Amino acid sequence: MTTARRCVVSGANRGLGLEFVRQLAAAGDEVVATARRPEAAAELSDIARASGGRVTVVALDVSDPASIAGAGAQVAERFPAVDLLINNAGIMRLPDAPDEITAGPLDALDGEAVLSLLRVNVVGPVLVTQALQPLLAAARRSVVVNLSSGMGSIGSTTAAMDYAYCTSKAGLNMMTRHLAHELEQQGTIAVSISPGWVRTDMGGPAAPLDPPESVKGILSLVDGLGPGDSGRFLDHSGEEIPW
């Protein structure tokens, strides 16, 4: 009999995060699903109500250290250990702001706007991992998945695309490498995984992948990870992506 995993998913109110919660709950896992505004996450609330207690919704704003600490305390109340942390929360643009102030061109960039995006996409996942480190250490085998992007591949960048978003994912990849080295002694595997180009609010309607396909691939990949995989940058099918 397979033991249910204790999972935490950030940014679970829509898109890939919501699909992670749906598939984990369907597999019988226990999930703390976080959202910046749980009261507005109607579909997530429906999944939680239908889960028979397996899914708990917790407020988390990954750009706010106090919110991270509060969410970490609530996770610790629910679980004695965390087997799987999916750092999914992230943004491509700032709400109600012109795209150009973070995406470019160069003469349109706004420093504070760029920093705000980096705070969510790079600093946030690391602080969430920091808050849950003792619970990850308490698991027999734990995995941290940082949701990255092929746009964060420095080696594949051949033209200017999106200054802040691409830089944030490259920075997250470096954070993954550091986490992999530091957390290996406690038995935690840390990986960066690109979900591919997915039909979500962020990916848009032209994307070739749907969320169930991408998430199924990622979770299958996670199941097969070993200590030697820690620190890798992979796509949803397990293919290596150049740094």
C-alpha atoms as a PDB file:
ATOM      1  CA  MET A   1       0.000   0.000   0.000  1.00  0.00           C
ATOM      2  CA  THR A   2       1.411   3.397  -1.006  1.00  0.00           C
ATOM      3  CA  THR A   3       1.712   5.943   1.792  1.00  0.00           C
ATOM      4  CA  ALA A   4       0.094   9.295   1.093  1.00  0.00           C
ATOM      5  CA  ARG A   5       2.556  12.120   0.583  1.00  0.00           C
ATOM      6  CA  ARG A   6       2.331  15.331   2.571  1.00  0.00           C
ATOM      7  CA  CYS A   7       2.499  18.102  -0.020  1.00  0.00           C
ATOM      8  CA  VAL A   8       2.581  21.899  -0.132  1.00  0.00           C
ATOM      9  CA  VAL A   9       1.702  23.759  -3.339  1.00  0.00           C
ATOM     10  CA  SER A  10       2.089  27.526  -3.610  1.00  0.00           C
ATOM     11  CA  GLY A  11       0.062  29.608  -6.048  1.00  0.00           C
ATOM     12  CA  ALA A  12      -2.671  26.969  -6.072  1.00  0.00           C
ATOM     13  CA  ASN A  13      -5.612  29.199  -6.934  1.00  0.00           C
ATOM     14  CA  ARG A  14      -5.379  28.753 -10.716  1.00  0.00           C
ATOM     15  CA  GLY A  15      -3.461  27.289 -13.650  1.00  0.00           C
ATOM     16  CA  LEU A  16      -0.732  24.784 -12.925  1.00  0.00           C
ATOM     17  CA  GLY A  17      -0.966  25.193  -9.152  1.00  0.00           C
ATOM     18  CA  LEU A  18      -4.647  24.300  -9.180  1.00  0.00           C
ATOM     19  CA  GLU A  19      -3.955  21.293 -11.412  1.00  0.00           C
ATOM     20  CA  PHE A  20      -1.192  20.096  -9.063  1.00  0.00           C
ATOM     21  CA  VAL A  21      -3.671  20.142  -6.190  1.00  0.00           C
ATOM     22  CA  ARG A  22      -6.301  18.354  -8.254  1.00  0.00           C
ATOM     23  CA  GLN A  23      -3.966  15.531  -9.298  1.00  0.00           C
ATOM     24  CA  LEU A  24      -2.305  15.133  -5.901  1.00  0.00           C
ATOM     25  CA  ALA A  25      -5.660  14.950  -4.147  1.00  0.00           C
ATOM     26  CA  ALA A  26      -6.941  12.435  -6.713  1.00  0.00           C
ATOM     27  CA  ALA A  27      -3.875  10.290  -5.993  1.00  0.00           C
ATOM     28  CA  GLY A  28      -4.766  10.243  -2.291  1.00  0.00           C
ATOM     29  CA  ASP A  29      -2.057  12.641  -1.134  1.00  0.00           C
ATOM     30  CA  GLU A  30      -2.496  15.194   1.646  1.00  0.00           C
ATOM     31  CA  VAL A  31      -2.125  18.766   0.393  1.00  0.00           C
ATOM     32  CA  VAL A  32      -1.753  22.222   1.876  1.00  0.00           C
ATOM     33  CA  ALA A  33      -2.721  24.442  -1.052  1.00  0.00           C
ATOM     34  CA  THR A  34      -1.793  28.090  -0.735  1.00  0.00           C
ATOM     35  CA  ALA A  35      -3.223  31.173  -2.386  1.00  0.00           C
ATOM     36  CA  ARG A  36      -2.679  34.866  -1.852  1.00  0.00           C
ATOM     37  CA  ARG A  37      -6.428  35.402  -1.513  1.00  0.00           C
ATOM     38  CA  PRO A  38      -8.135  32.108  -0.576  1.00  0.00           C
ATOM     39  CA  GLU A  39     -11.528  33.809  -0.384  1.00  0.00           C
ATOM     40  CA  ALA A  40     -11.318  34.462  -4.139  1.00  0.00           C
ATOM     41  CA  ALA A  41     -10.138  30.939  -5.032  1.00  0.00           C
ATOM     42  CA  ALA A  42     -13.544  29.389  -5.693  1.00  0.00           C
ATOM     43  CA  GLU A  43     -12.368  26.401  -7.746  1.00  0.00           C
ATOM     44  CA  LEU A  44      -9.664  25.560  -5.217  1.00  0.00           C
ATOM     45  CA  SER A  45     -12.228  25.735  -2.415  1.00  0.00           C
ATOM     46  CA  ASP A  46     -14.443  23.319  -4.353  1.00  0.00           C
ATOM     47  CA  ILE A  47     -11.559  20.837  -4.646  1.00  0.00           C
ATOM     48  CA  ALA A  48     -10.857  21.160  -0.923  1.00  0.00           C
ATOM     49  CA  ARG A  49     -14.499  20.543   0.002  1.00  0.00           C
ATOM     50  CA  ALA A  50     -14.659  17.463  -2.223  1.00  0.00           C
ATOM     51  CA  SER A  51     -11.374  16.017  -0.943  1.00  0.00           C
ATOM     52  CA  GLY A  52     -12.644  14.521   2.286  1.00  0.00           C
ATOM     53  CA  GLY A  53     -10.219  16.570   4.334  1.00  0.00           C
ATOM     54  CA  ARG A  54      -7.144  15.781   2.257  1.00  0.00           C
ATOM     55  CA  VAL A  55      -6.800  19.380   0.988  1.00  0.00           C
ATOM     56  CA  THR A  56      -6.394  22.399   3.259  1.00  0.00           C
ATOM     57  CA  VAL A  57      -6.315  25.937   1.854  1.00  0.00           C
ATOM     58  CA  VAL A  58      -3.934  28.413   3.511  1.00  0.00           C
ATOM     59  CA  ALA A  59      -3.262  32.087   2.763  1.00  0.00           C
ATOM     60  CA  LEU A  60       0.242  32.806   1.462  1.00  0.00           C
ATOM     61  CA  ASP A  61       1.729  35.844  -0.233  1.00  0.00           C
ATOM     62  CA  VAL A  62       5.249  34.794  -1.224  1.00  0.00           C
ATOM     63  CA  SER A  63       6.369  38.427  -1.432  1.00  0.00           C
ATOM     64  CA  ASP A  64       5.570  38.985   2.278  1.00  0.00           C
ATOM     65  CA  PRO A  65       7.924  37.422   4.865  1.00  0.00           C
ATOM     66  CA  ALA A  66       5.273  37.653   7.596  1.00  0.00           C
ATOM     67  CA  SER A  67       2.791  35.794   5.401  1.00  0.00           C
ATOM     68  CA  ILE A  68       5.405  33.118   4.686  1.00  0.00           C
ATOM     69  CA  ALA A  69       6.063  32.659   8.411  1.00  0.00           C
ATOM     70  CA  GLY A  70       2.344  32.413   9.133  1.00  0.00           C
ATOM     71  CA  ALA A  71       1.743  29.881   6.400  1.00  0.00           C
ATOM     72  CA  GLY A  72       4.744  27.855   7.557  1.00  0.00           C
ATOM     73  CA  ALA A  73       3.267  27.670  11.048  1.00  0.00           C
ATOM     74  CA  GLN A  74      -0.056  26.455   9.658  1.00  0.00           C
ATOM     75  CA  VAL A  75       1.680  23.771   7.592  1.00  0.00           C
ATOM     76  CA  ALA A  76       3.502  22.623  10.759  1.00  0.00           C
ATOM     77  CA  GLU A  77       0.156  22.347  12.536  1.00  0.00           C
ATOM     78  CA  ARG A  78      -1.125  20.085   9.775  1.00  0.00           C
ATOM     79  CA  PHE A  79       1.947  17.969   9.002  1.00  0.00           C
ATOM     80  CA  PRO A  80       4.852  16.637  11.112  1.00  0.00           C
ATOM     81  CA  ALA A  81       6.882  16.479   7.882  1.00  0.00           C
ATOM     82  CA  VAL A  82       6.631  17.596   4.256  1.00  0.00           C
ATOM     83  CA  ASP A  83       7.445  15.115   1.485  1.00  0.00           C
ATOM     84  CA  LEU A  84       6.870  17.404  -1.509  1.00  0.00           C
ATOM     85  CA  LEU A  85       7.064  21.188  -1.829  1.00  0.00           C
ATOM     86  CA  ILE A  86       6.047  22.669  -5.166  1.00  0.00           C
ATOM     87  CA  ASN A  87       7.121  26.300  -5.426  1.00  0.00           C
ATOM     88  CA  ASN A  88       4.684  27.201  -8.175  1.00  0.00           C
ATOM     89  CA  ALA A  89       3.689  30.768  -7.259  1.00  0.00           C
ATOM     90  CA  GLY A  90       5.097  33.256  -9.733  1.00  0.00           C
ATOM     91  CA  ILE A  91       4.214  36.107 -12.039  1.00  0.00           C
ATOM     92  CA  MET A  92       5.194  37.233 -15.520  1.00  0.00           C
ATOM     93  CA  ARG A  93       3.885  40.788 -15.174  1.00  0.00           C
ATOM     94  CA  LEU A  94       2.954  43.129 -12.344  1.00  0.00           C
ATOM     95  CA  PRO A  95      -0.808  43.570 -11.955  1.00  0.00           C
ATOM     96  CA  ASP A  96      -2.242  46.783 -13.401  1.00  0.00           C
ATOM     97  CA  ALA A  97       1.137  47.935 -14.724  1.00  0.00           C
ATOM     98  CA  PRO A  98       2.486  48.335 -18.276  1.00  0.00           C
ATOM     99  CA  ASP A  99       4.304  45.240 -19.532  1.00  0.00           C
ATOM    100  CA  GLU A 100       7.288  47.301 -20.653  1.00  0.00           C
ATOM    101  CA  ILE A 101       8.400  48.302 -17.150  1.00  0.00           C
ATOM    102  CA  THR A 102       9.533  44.744 -16.443  1.00  0.00           C
ATOM    103  CA  ALA A 103       9.807  43.202 -19.920  1.00  0.00           C
ATOM    104  CA  GLY A 104      11.657  45.964 -21.760  1.00  0.00           C
ATOM    105  CA  PRO A 105      12.906  47.458 -24.029  1.00  0.00           C
ATOM    106  CA  LEU A 106      15.782  48.703 -21.944  1.00  0.00           C
ATOM    107  CA  ASP A 107      14.734  52.352 -21.913  1.00  0.00           C
ATOM    108  CA  ALA A 108      11.298  51.442 -20.496  1.00  0.00           C
ATOM    109  CA  LEU A 109      12.484  49.352 -17.537  1.00  0.00           C
ATOM    110  CA  ASP A 110      11.584  50.525 -14.036  1.00  0.00           C
ATOM    111  CA  GLY A 111      13.968  49.387 -11.301  1.00  0.00           C
ATOM    112  CA  GLU A 112      11.376  49.052  -8.537  1.00  0.00           C
ATOM    113  CA  ALA A 113       9.041  47.115 -10.810  1.00  0.00           C
ATOM    114  CA  VAL A 114      11.820  44.701 -11.783  1.00  0.00           C
ATOM    115  CA  LEU A 115      12.691  44.210  -8.112  1.00  0.00           C
ATOM    116  CA  SER A 116       9.056  43.496  -7.276  1.00  0.00           C
ATOM    117  CA  LEU A 117       8.923  40.723  -9.868  1.00  0.00           C
ATOM    118  CA  LEU A 118      12.228  39.251  -8.674  1.00  0.00           C
ATOM    119  CA  ARG A 119      10.924  39.305  -5.098  1.00  0.00           C
ATOM    120  CA  VAL A 120       8.012  37.080  -6.077  1.00  0.00           C
ATOM    121  CA  ASN A 121       9.787  34.742  -8.497  1.00  0.00           C
ATOM    122  CA  VAL A 122      13.206  34.308  -6.871  1.00  0.00           C
ATOM    123  CA  VAL A 123      13.197  35.404  -3.238  1.00  0.00           C
ATOM    124  CA  GLY A 124       9.715  34.070  -2.477  1.00  0.00           C
ATOM    125  CA  PRO A 125      10.372  30.403  -3.312  1.00  0.00           C
ATOM    126  CA  VAL A 126      13.612  30.416  -1.335  1.00  0.00           C
ATOM    127  CA  LEU A 127      11.960  31.925   1.749  1.00  0.00           C
ATOM    128  CA  VAL A 128       9.106  29.419   1.517  1.00  0.00           C
ATOM    129  CA  THR A 129      11.674  26.604   1.367  1.00  0.00           C
ATOM    130  CA  GLN A 130      13.500  28.160   4.319  1.00  0.00           C
ATOM    131  CA  ALA A 131      10.290  28.256   6.363  1.00  0.00           C
ATOM    132  CA  LEU A 132       9.556  24.586   5.616  1.00  0.00           C
ATOM    133  CA  GLN A 133      13.121  23.281   5.867  1.00  0.00           C
ATOM    134  CA  PRO A 134      12.628  21.562   9.258  1.00  0.00           C
ATOM    135  CA  LEU A 135       9.554  19.763   7.935  1.00  0.00           C
ATOM    136  CA  LEU A 136      11.382  18.731   4.764  1.00  0.00           C
ATOM    137  CA  ALA A 137      14.226  17.415   6.930  1.00  0.00           C
ATOM    138  CA  ALA A 138      11.763  15.387   9.000  1.00  0.00           C
ATOM    139  CA  ALA A 139      10.588  13.401   5.960  1.00  0.00           C
ATOM    140  CA  ARG A 140      12.275  10.158   4.974  1.00  0.00           C
ATOM    141  CA  ARG A 141      12.607  11.493   1.416  1.00  0.00           C
ATOM    142  CA  SER A 142      11.622  15.016   0.441  1.00  0.00           C
ATOM    143  CA  VAL A 143      11.580  16.890  -2.854  1.00  0.00           C
ATOM    144  CA  VAL A 144      11.521  20.621  -3.595  1.00  0.00           C
ATOM    145  CA  VAL A 145      10.285  21.470  -7.092  1.00  0.00           C
ATOM    146  CA  ASN A 146      10.943  25.015  -8.238  1.00  0.00           C
ATOM    147  CA  LEU A 147       8.736  25.784 -11.237  1.00  0.00           C
ATOM    148  CA  SER A 148      11.124  27.412 -13.682  1.00  0.00           C
ATOM    149  CA  SER A 149      10.888  28.089 -17.421  1.00  0.00           C
ATOM    150  CA  GLY A 150      12.832  27.439 -20.577  1.00  0.00           C
ATOM    151  CA  MET A 151      13.000  31.235 -20.774  1.00  0.00           C
ATOM    152  CA  GLY A 152      15.385  31.058 -17.805  1.00  0.00           C
ATOM    153  CA  SER A 153      17.963  29.127 -19.823  1.00  0.00           C
ATOM    154  CA  ILE A 154      20.945  31.420 -20.380  1.00  0.00           C
ATOM    155  CA  GLY A 155      22.437  29.034 -22.935  1.00  0.00           C
ATOM    156  CA  SER A 156      19.265  29.065 -25.032  1.00  0.00           C
ATOM    157  CA  THR A 157      18.808  32.841 -25.028  1.00  0.00           C
ATOM    158  CA  THR A 158      19.605  34.152 -28.492  1.00  0.00           C
ATOM    159  CA  ALA A 159      17.598  37.414 -28.460  1.00  0.00           C
ATOM    160  CA  ALA A 160      16.167  39.939 -26.011  1.00  0.00           C
ATOM    161  CA  MET A 161      12.799  38.643 -24.780  1.00  0.00           C
ATOM    162  CA  ASP A 162      11.625  39.631 -21.316  1.00  0.00           C
ATOM    163  CA  TYR A 163      14.233  41.169 -19.039  1.00  0.00           C
ATOM    164  CA  ALA A 164      12.731  40.599 -15.597  1.00  0.00           C
ATOM    165  CA  TYR A 165      10.885  37.318 -16.120  1.00  0.00           C
ATOM    166  CA  CYS A 166      13.768  35.560 -17.879  1.00  0.00           C
ATOM    167  CA  THR A 167      16.237  36.860 -15.296  1.00  0.00           C
ATOM    168  CA  SER A 168      13.981  35.732 -12.460  1.00  0.00           C
ATOM    169  CA  LYS A 169      13.865  32.166 -13.728  1.00  0.00           C
ATOM    170  CA  ALA A 170      17.631  32.088 -14.282  1.00  0.00           C
ATOM    171  CA  GLY A 171      18.018  33.349 -10.715  1.00  0.00           C
ATOM    172  CA  LEU A 172      15.618  30.709  -9.430  1.00  0.00           C
ATOM    173  CA  ASN A 173      17.704  28.069 -11.183  1.00  0.00           C
ATOM    174  CA  MET A 174      20.797  29.246  -9.324  1.00  0.00           C
ATOM    175  CA  MET A 175      18.860  29.156  -6.059  1.00  0.00           C
ATOM    176  CA  THR A 176      17.931  25.547  -6.892  1.00  0.00           C
ATOM    177  CA  ARG A 177      21.589  24.648  -7.303  1.00  0.00           C
ATOM    178  CA  HIS A 178      22.424  26.155  -3.917  1.00  0.00           C
ATOM    179  CA  LEU A 179      19.480  24.411  -2.251  1.00  0.00           C
ATOM    180  CA  ALA A 180      20.554  21.110  -3.802  1.00  0.00           C
ATOM    181  CA  HIS A 181      24.011  21.382  -2.254  1.00  0.00           C
ATOM    182  CA  GLU A 182      22.873  22.593   1.159  1.00  0.00           C
ATOM    183  CA  LEU A 183      19.911  20.266   1.624  1.00  0.00           C
ATOM    184  CA  GLU A 184      21.497  17.039   0.371  1.00  0.00           C
ATOM    185  CA  GLN A 185      22.677  16.163   3.894  1.00  0.00           C
ATOM    186  CA  GLN A 186      19.090  16.131   5.158  1.00  0.00           C
ATOM    187  CA  GLY A 187      17.924  13.953   2.256  1.00  0.00           C
ATOM    188  CA  THR A 188      16.080  16.650   0.327  1.00  0.00           C
ATOM    189  CA  ILE A 189      16.203  16.681  -3.486  1.00  0.00           C
ATOM    190  CA  ALA A 190      15.845  20.118  -5.117  1.00  0.00           C
ATOM    191  CA  VAL A 191      15.153  20.503  -8.835  1.00  0.00           C
ATOM    192  CA  SER A 192      14.129  23.194 -11.293  1.00  0.00           C
ATOM    193  CA  ILE A 193      11.443  22.012 -13.701  1.00  0.00           C
ATOM    194  CA  SER A 194      10.028  23.841 -16.694  1.00  0.00           C
ATOM    195  CA  PRO A 195       6.382  22.945 -17.239  1.00  0.00           C
ATOM    196  CA  GLY A 196       6.634  23.795 -20.925  1.00  0.00           C
ATOM    197  CA  TRP A 197       4.428  26.260 -22.752  1.00  0.00           C
ATOM    198  CA  VAL A 198       1.056  25.616 -21.140  1.00  0.00           C
ATOM    199  CA  ARG A 199      -2.434  26.962 -21.846  1.00  0.00           C
ATOM    200  CA  THR A 200      -2.934  29.002 -18.674  1.00  0.00           C
ATOM    201  CA  ASP A 201      -3.601  32.674 -17.979  1.00  0.00           C
ATOM    202  CA  MET A 202       0.164  33.167 -18.171  1.00  0.00           C
ATOM    203  CA  GLY A 203       0.842  30.923 -21.168  1.00  0.00           C
ATOM    204  CA  GLY A 204      -2.113  32.052 -23.248  1.00  0.00           C
ATOM    205  CA  PRO A 205      -4.514  30.154 -25.536  1.00  0.00           C
ATOM    206  CA  ALA A 206      -1.944  29.371 -28.247  1.00  0.00           C
ATOM    207  CA  ALA A 207       0.206  27.197 -25.976  1.00  0.00           C
ATOM    208  CA  PRO A 208       0.489  23.561 -27.134  1.00  0.00           C
ATOM    209  CA  LEU A 209       0.232  21.895 -23.700  1.00  0.00           C
ATOM    210  CA  ASP A 210      -2.761  21.721 -21.420  1.00  0.00           C
ATOM    211  CA  PRO A 211      -2.268  21.829 -17.615  1.00  0.00           C
ATOM    212  CA  PRO A 212      -3.223  18.180 -16.929  1.00  0.00           C
ATOM    213  CA  GLU A 213      -0.619  16.913 -19.405  1.00  0.00           C
ATOM    214  CA  SER A 214       2.162  19.125 -18.033  1.00  0.00           C
ATOM    215  CA  VAL A 215       1.390  18.381 -14.384  1.00  0.00           C
ATOM    216  CA  LYS A 216       1.058  14.637 -14.990  1.00  0.00           C
ATOM    217  CA  GLY A 217       4.519  14.668 -16.571  1.00  0.00           C
ATOM    218  CA  ILE A 218       6.051  16.630 -13.712  1.00  0.00           C
ATOM    219  CA  LEU A 219       4.561  14.422 -11.004  1.00  0.00           C
ATOM    220  CA  SER A 220       5.687  11.285 -12.842  1.00  0.00           C
ATOM    221  CA  LEU A 221       9.161  12.801 -13.057  1.00  0.00           C
ATOM    222  CA  VAL A 222       9.162  13.637  -9.340  1.00  0.00           C
ATOM    223  CA  ASP A 223       8.283  10.032  -8.485  1.00  0.00           C
ATOM    224  CA  GLY A 224      11.469   8.833 -10.185  1.00  0.00           C
ATOM    225  CA  LEU A 225      13.938  11.373  -8.814  1.00  0.00           C
ATOM    226  CA  GLY A 226      16.927  10.166  -6.825  1.00  0.00           C
ATOM    227  CA  PRO A 227      19.663  11.976  -4.886  1.00  0.00           C
ATOM    228  CA  GLY A 228      21.808  12.157  -8.024  1.00  0.00           C
ATOM    229  CA  ASP A 229      19.132  14.257  -9.735  1.00  0.00           C
ATOM    230  CA  SER A 230      19.260  17.044  -7.184  1.00  0.00           C
ATOM    231  CA  GLY A 231      20.230  20.365  -8.727  1.00  0.00           C
ATOM    232  CA  ARG A 232      19.132  19.473 -12.267  1.00  0.00           C
ATOM    233  CA  PHE A 233      17.135  21.669 -14.673  1.00  0.00           C
ATOM    234  CA  LEU A 234      14.562  19.546 -16.507  1.00  0.00           C
ATOM    235  CA  ASP A 235      11.462  19.943 -18.610  1.00  0.00           C
ATOM    236  CA  HIS A 236       8.137  18.284 -17.794  1.00  0.00           C
ATOM    237  CA  SER A 237       9.123  15.161 -19.742  1.00  0.00           C
ATOM    238  CA  GLY A 238      12.469  14.754 -17.958  1.00  0.00           C
ATOM    239  CA  GLU A 239      14.677  16.176 -20.707  1.00  0.00           C
ATOM    240  CA  GLU A 240      17.677  18.214 -19.547  1.00  0.00           C
ATOM    241  CA  ILE A 241      17.515  21.950 -20.271  1.00  0.00           C
ATOM    242  CA  PRO A 242      20.821  23.836 -20.739  1.00  0.00           C
ATOM    243  CA  TRP A 243      21.609  26.310 -18.002  1.00  0.00           C
END
